[in-house]
Amino acid sequence: MKNLHTDPRENTPVKHTVTPSDLQQIQQRRIEAHADRQTMSDLNLLRAFKLGEALRESWE
């Protein structure tokens, strides 16, 4: 609902821009999230390898 005030700036859309510090924080979170995903992937691969070795040994 629009105001009936005569001030034209009161009804204008507000533009929210990303500040450089906000952009840096977003990028840092993305970098950390990627590192966490890579670590989890590496750990899962290691677990799978060890499980494969354990199964191979149990068959022998």
C-alpha atoms as a PDB file:
ATOM      1  CA  MET A   1       0.000   0.000   0.000  1.00  0.00           C
ATOM      2  CA  LYS A   2       1.381   3.336  -0.994  1.00  0.00           C
ATOM      3  CA  ASN A   3       1.627   6.294   1.318  1.00  0.00           C
ATOM      4  CA  LEU A   4      -0.171   9.409   0.328  1.00  0.00           C
ATOM      5  CA  HIS A   5       2.604  11.607   1.609  1.00  0.00           C
ATOM      6  CA  THR A   6       4.027  14.143  -0.769  1.00  0.00           C
ATOM      7  CA  ASP A   7       7.636  13.162  -0.112  1.00  0.00           C
ATOM      8  CA  PRO A   8       8.695  11.219  -3.242  1.00  0.00           C
ATOM      9  CA  ARG A   9      11.683   9.595  -1.513  1.00  0.00           C
ATOM     10  CA  GLU A  10       9.511   7.940   1.097  1.00  0.00           C
ATOM     11  CA  ASN A  11       7.935   5.563  -1.396  1.00  0.00           C
ATOM     12  CA  THR A  12      10.999   4.754  -3.481  1.00  0.00           C
ATOM     13  CA  PRO A  13      12.422   1.229  -3.410  1.00  0.00           C
ATOM     14  CA  VAL A  14      15.362   0.702  -1.108  1.00  0.00           C
ATOM     15  CA  LYS A  15      18.441  -0.767  -2.750  1.00  0.00           C
ATOM     16  CA  HIS A  16      20.575  -2.914  -0.479  1.00  0.00           C
ATOM     17  CA  THR A  17      24.089  -3.190  -1.820  1.00  0.00           C
ATOM     18  CA  VAL A  18      26.759  -5.581  -0.693  1.00  0.00           C
ATOM     19  CA  THR A  19      29.626  -3.827   1.009  1.00  0.00           C
ATOM     20  CA  PRO A  20      33.196  -4.966   0.333  1.00  0.00           C
ATOM     21  CA  SER A  21      33.471  -6.390   3.851  1.00  0.00           C
ATOM     22  CA  ASP A  22      30.232  -8.357   3.350  1.00  0.00           C
ATOM     23  CA  LEU A  23      31.558  -9.671   0.047  1.00  0.00           C
ATOM     24  CA  GLN A  24      34.796 -10.730   1.707  1.00  0.00           C
ATOM     25  CA  GLN A  25      32.874 -12.576   4.447  1.00  0.00           C
ATOM     26  CA  ILE A  26      30.737 -14.362   1.851  1.00  0.00           C
ATOM     27  CA  GLN A  27      33.818 -15.429  -0.081  1.00  0.00           C
ATOM     28  CA  GLN A  28      35.538 -16.594   3.102  1.00  0.00           C
ATOM     29  CA  ARG A  29      32.498 -18.702   4.068  1.00  0.00           C
ATOM     30  CA  ARG A  30      32.479 -20.267   0.593  1.00  0.00           C
ATOM     31  CA  ILE A  31      36.186 -21.073   0.824  1.00  0.00           C
ATOM     32  CA  GLU A  32      35.752 -22.629   4.264  1.00  0.00           C
ATOM     33  CA  ALA A  33      32.707 -24.616   3.153  1.00  0.00           C
ATOM     34  CA  HIS A  34      34.642 -25.947   0.168  1.00  0.00           C
ATOM     35  CA  ALA A  35      37.545 -26.957   2.412  1.00  0.00           C
ATOM     36  CA  ASP A  36      35.124 -28.729   4.784  1.00  0.00           C
ATOM     37  CA  ARG A  37      33.494 -30.604   1.895  1.00  0.00           C
ATOM     38  CA  GLN A  38      36.893 -31.623   0.542  1.00  0.00           C
ATOM     39  CA  THR A  39      38.001 -32.857   3.956  1.00  0.00           C
ATOM     40  CA  MET A  40      34.829 -34.898   4.382  1.00  0.00           C
ATOM     41  CA  SER A  41      35.269 -36.351   0.899  1.00  0.00           C
ATOM     42  CA  ASP A  42      38.858 -37.340   1.657  1.00  0.00           C
ATOM     43  CA  LEU A  43      37.847 -38.937   4.960  1.00  0.00           C
ATOM     44  CA  ASN A  44      35.051 -40.898   3.275  1.00  0.00           C
ATOM     45  CA  LEU A  45      37.473 -42.141   0.642  1.00  0.00           C
ATOM     46  CA  LEU A  46      39.934 -43.227   3.327  1.00  0.00           C
ATOM     47  CA  ARG A  47      37.171 -45.020   5.255  1.00  0.00           C
ATOM     48  CA  ALA A  48      36.052 -46.818   2.106  1.00  0.00           C
ATOM     49  CA  PHE A  49      39.616 -47.880   1.369  1.00  0.00           C
ATOM     50  CA  LYS A  50      40.103 -49.214   4.901  1.00  0.00           C
ATOM     51  CA  LEU A  51      36.759 -51.008   4.753  1.00  0.00           C
ATOM     52  CA  GLY A  52      37.783 -52.619   1.471  1.00  0.00           C
ATOM     53  CA  GLU A  53      41.055 -53.781   3.021  1.00  0.00           C
ATOM     54  CA  ALA A  54      39.250 -55.169   6.062  1.00  0.00           C
ATOM     55  CA  LEU A  55      36.787 -57.059   3.868  1.00  0.00           C
ATOM     56  CA  ARG A  56      39.594 -58.422   1.718  1.00  0.00           C
ATOM     57  CA  GLU A  57      41.416 -59.636   4.835  1.00  0.00           C
ATOM     58  CA  SER A  58      38.263 -61.230   6.229  1.00  0.00           C
ATOM     59  CA  TRP A  59      37.827 -63.253   3.038  1.00  0.00           C
ATOM     60  CA  GLU A  60      41.358 -64.648   3.284  1.00  0.00           C
END
